[in-house]
Amino acid sequence: MKNILKEERLKRQLTQVQLAEMVNVSRQTIISIEINRYVPSVVLSLKLAKTLGLQIEDIFMLEPSD
């Protein structure tokens, strides 16, 4: 799964700390999601999408299988 969380966060001029506080997670969690090291839960994905005013599928995309 890939995501464009960082791009969407930067469009809104939010820091990683600000976004983390808005969805009640650590800055490290946001970093891990942005670098595709961590796939967030459905609940966290929903919180991130709502906070950014987007749909989940606007942020997270499945990569095609090889």
N, C-alpha and C. Protein backbone atom coordinates (compact mmCIF):
# COMPACT_ATOMS: atom_id res chain seq x y z
N MET A 1 0.85 -1.17 0.00
CA MET A 1 0.00 0.00 0.00
C MET A 1 0.90 1.23 0.00
N LYS A 2 0.53 2.20 -0.81
CA LYS A 2 1.26 3.46 -0.79
C LYS A 2 0.30 4.56 -0.35
N ASN A 3 0.87 5.72 -0.05
CA ASN A 3 0.02 6.82 0.41
C ASN A 3 0.62 8.16 0.02
N ILE A 4 -0.23 9.16 0.07
CA ILE A 4 0.22 10.53 -0.21
C ILE A 4 -0.05 11.41 1.01
N LEU A 5 0.08 10.81 2.18
CA LEU A 5 -0.18 11.54 3.43
C LEU A 5 0.72 12.76 3.56
N LYS A 6 2.00 12.61 3.28
CA LYS A 6 2.93 13.72 3.43
C LYS A 6 2.54 14.88 2.52
N GLU A 7 2.22 14.59 1.28
CA GLU A 7 1.84 15.63 0.33
C GLU A 7 0.58 16.37 0.80
N GLU A 8 -0.40 15.61 1.26
CA GLU A 8 -1.65 16.23 1.73
C GLU A 8 -1.42 17.04 3.01
N ARG A 9 -0.57 16.53 3.88
CA ARG A 9 -0.24 17.26 5.11
C ARG A 9 0.44 18.58 4.77
N LEU A 10 1.40 18.53 3.86
CA LEU A 10 2.13 19.75 3.48
C LEU A 10 1.23 20.76 2.78
N LYS A 11 0.28 20.30 1.97
CA LYS A 11 -0.68 21.20 1.31
C LYS A 11 -1.42 22.05 2.34
N ARG A 12 -1.66 21.45 3.49
CA ARG A 12 -2.40 22.13 4.55
C ARG A 12 -1.49 22.83 5.55
N GLN A 13 -0.20 22.84 5.24
CA GLN A 13 0.81 23.49 6.07
C GLN A 13 0.78 23.00 7.51
N LEU A 14 0.65 21.67 7.65
CA LEU A 14 0.66 21.05 8.96
C LEU A 14 2.01 20.37 9.18
N THR A 15 2.51 20.46 10.39
CA THR A 15 3.72 19.71 10.73
C THR A 15 3.30 18.29 11.11
N GLN A 16 4.28 17.41 11.18
CA GLN A 16 4.00 16.04 11.62
C GLN A 16 3.46 16.05 13.04
N VAL A 17 3.99 16.90 13.87
CA VAL A 17 3.54 17.00 15.27
C VAL A 17 2.09 17.47 15.32
N GLN A 18 1.75 18.49 14.53
CA GLN A 18 0.38 18.99 14.54
C GLN A 18 -0.62 17.92 14.11
N LEU A 19 -0.30 17.23 13.01
CA LEU A 19 -1.20 16.19 12.53
C LEU A 19 -1.31 15.06 13.55
N ALA A 20 -0.19 14.68 14.12
CA ALA A 20 -0.20 13.62 15.13
C ALA A 20 -1.11 14.00 16.31
N GLU A 21 -1.02 15.22 16.76
CA GLU A 21 -1.85 15.67 17.88
C GLU A 21 -3.33 15.67 17.49
N MET A 22 -3.61 16.03 16.25
CA MET A 22 -5.00 16.10 15.79
C MET A 22 -5.67 14.72 15.75
N VAL A 23 -4.88 13.68 15.52
CA VAL A 23 -5.44 12.32 15.45
C VAL A 23 -5.03 11.46 16.63
N ASN A 24 -4.38 12.09 17.61
CA ASN A 24 -4.02 11.44 18.87
C ASN A 24 -3.07 10.25 18.70
N VAL A 25 -1.99 10.48 17.93
CA VAL A 25 -0.92 9.48 17.80
C VAL A 25 0.41 10.20 17.98
N SER A 26 1.49 9.45 17.96
CA SER A 26 2.81 10.06 18.10
C SER A 26 3.30 10.59 16.75
N ARG A 27 4.25 11.49 16.81
CA ARG A 27 4.90 11.99 15.60
C ARG A 27 5.55 10.83 14.85
N GLN A 28 6.12 9.90 15.59
CA GLN A 28 6.77 8.75 14.98
C GLN A 28 5.79 7.92 14.15
N THR A 29 4.55 7.83 14.60
CA THR A 29 3.53 7.10 13.83
C THR A 29 3.30 7.78 12.49
N ILE A 30 3.19 9.10 12.50
CA ILE A 30 2.99 9.84 11.24
C ILE A 30 4.19 9.64 10.32
N ILE A 31 5.39 9.72 10.87
CA ILE A 31 6.60 9.50 10.08
C ILE A 31 6.56 8.10 9.45
N SER A 32 6.25 7.10 10.25
CA SER A 32 6.23 5.72 9.76
C SER A 32 5.21 5.51 8.66
N ILE A 33 4.06 6.15 8.78
CA ILE A 33 3.05 6.04 7.72
C ILE A 33 3.56 6.73 6.45
N GLU A 34 4.12 7.93 6.60
CA GLU A 34 4.58 8.69 5.44
C GLU A 34 5.68 7.99 4.66
N ILE A 35 6.52 7.21 5.33
CA ILE A 35 7.60 6.52 4.62
C ILE A 35 7.23 5.06 4.32
N ASN A 36 5.94 4.76 4.44
CA ASN A 36 5.42 3.43 4.12
C ASN A 36 6.02 2.31 4.94
N ARG A 37 6.40 2.61 6.17
CA ARG A 37 6.93 1.59 7.07
C ARG A 37 5.79 0.99 7.91
N TYR A 38 4.68 1.70 8.01
CA TYR A 38 3.57 1.28 8.86
C TYR A 38 2.26 1.50 8.12
N VAL A 39 1.40 0.48 8.10
CA VAL A 39 0.07 0.59 7.52
C VAL A 39 -0.90 0.86 8.67
N PRO A 40 -1.55 2.01 8.66
CA PRO A 40 -2.42 2.36 9.80
C PRO A 40 -3.68 1.51 9.83
N SER A 41 -4.27 1.44 11.01
CA SER A 41 -5.54 0.74 11.18
C SER A 41 -6.64 1.48 10.42
N VAL A 42 -7.76 0.83 10.27
CA VAL A 42 -8.90 1.46 9.62
C VAL A 42 -9.33 2.69 10.41
N VAL A 43 -9.35 2.58 11.72
CA VAL A 43 -9.77 3.70 12.57
C VAL A 43 -8.83 4.90 12.38
N LEU A 44 -7.52 4.66 12.41
CA LEU A 44 -6.57 5.75 12.22
C LEU A 44 -6.66 6.31 10.81
N SER A 45 -6.86 5.46 9.83
CA SER A 45 -7.02 5.93 8.45
C SER A 45 -8.23 6.84 8.32
N LEU A 46 -9.32 6.45 8.96
CA LEU A 46 -10.53 7.28 8.95
C LEU A 46 -10.29 8.63 9.63
N LYS A 47 -9.59 8.61 10.77
CA LYS A 47 -9.28 9.86 11.47
C LYS A 47 -8.42 10.78 10.62
N LEU A 48 -7.40 10.21 9.96
CA LEU A 48 -6.52 11.01 9.11
C LEU A 48 -7.31 11.62 7.95
N ALA A 49 -8.13 10.81 7.30
CA ALA A 49 -8.92 11.29 6.17
C ALA A 49 -9.87 12.41 6.61
N LYS A 50 -10.56 12.19 7.70
CA LYS A 50 -11.51 13.20 8.19
C LYS A 50 -10.79 14.49 8.56
N THR A 51 -9.66 14.37 9.22
CA THR A 51 -8.89 15.54 9.64
C THR A 51 -8.42 16.35 8.43
N LEU A 52 -8.06 15.65 7.35
CA LEU A 52 -7.57 16.32 6.15
C LEU A 52 -8.69 16.68 5.18
N GLY A 53 -9.92 16.30 5.51
CA GLY A 53 -11.06 16.63 4.64
C GLY A 53 -11.08 15.80 3.37
N LEU A 54 -10.62 14.55 3.47
CA LEU A 54 -10.53 13.67 2.30
C LEU A 54 -11.19 12.33 2.59
N GLN A 55 -11.30 11.52 1.55
CA GLN A 55 -11.74 10.13 1.68
C GLN A 55 -10.48 9.28 1.87
N ILE A 56 -10.63 8.14 2.52
CA ILE A 56 -9.48 7.26 2.74
C ILE A 56 -8.77 6.95 1.43
N GLU A 57 -9.56 6.65 0.39
CA GLU A 57 -8.94 6.26 -0.88
C GLU A 57 -8.24 7.41 -1.59
N ASP A 58 -8.45 8.64 -1.12
CA ASP A 58 -7.70 9.78 -1.64
C ASP A 58 -6.27 9.79 -1.09
N ILE A 59 -6.07 9.17 0.05
CA ILE A 59 -4.76 9.17 0.73
C ILE A 59 -4.02 7.84 0.53
N PHE A 60 -4.75 6.74 0.67
CA PHE A 60 -4.13 5.41 0.64
C PHE A 60 -4.55 4.66 -0.62
N MET A 61 -3.57 4.04 -1.29
CA MET A 61 -3.82 3.30 -2.51
C MET A 61 -3.15 1.93 -2.46
N LEU A 62 -3.86 0.93 -2.95
CA LEU A 62 -3.24 -0.39 -3.08
C LEU A 62 -2.34 -0.37 -4.30
N GLU A 63 -1.17 -0.98 -4.16
CA GLU A 63 -0.27 -1.09 -5.29
C GLU A 63 -0.65 -2.33 -6.10
N PRO A 64 -0.56 -2.25 -7.43
CA PRO A 64 -0.90 -3.42 -8.24
C PRO A 64 0.01 -4.61 -7.92
N SER A 65 -0.56 -5.79 -7.94
CA SER A 65 0.23 -7.00 -7.71
C SER A 65 1.11 -7.28 -8.93
N ASP A 66 2.30 -7.81 -8.66
CA ASP A 66 3.20 -8.15 -9.78
C ASP A 66 2.81 -9.47 -10.38
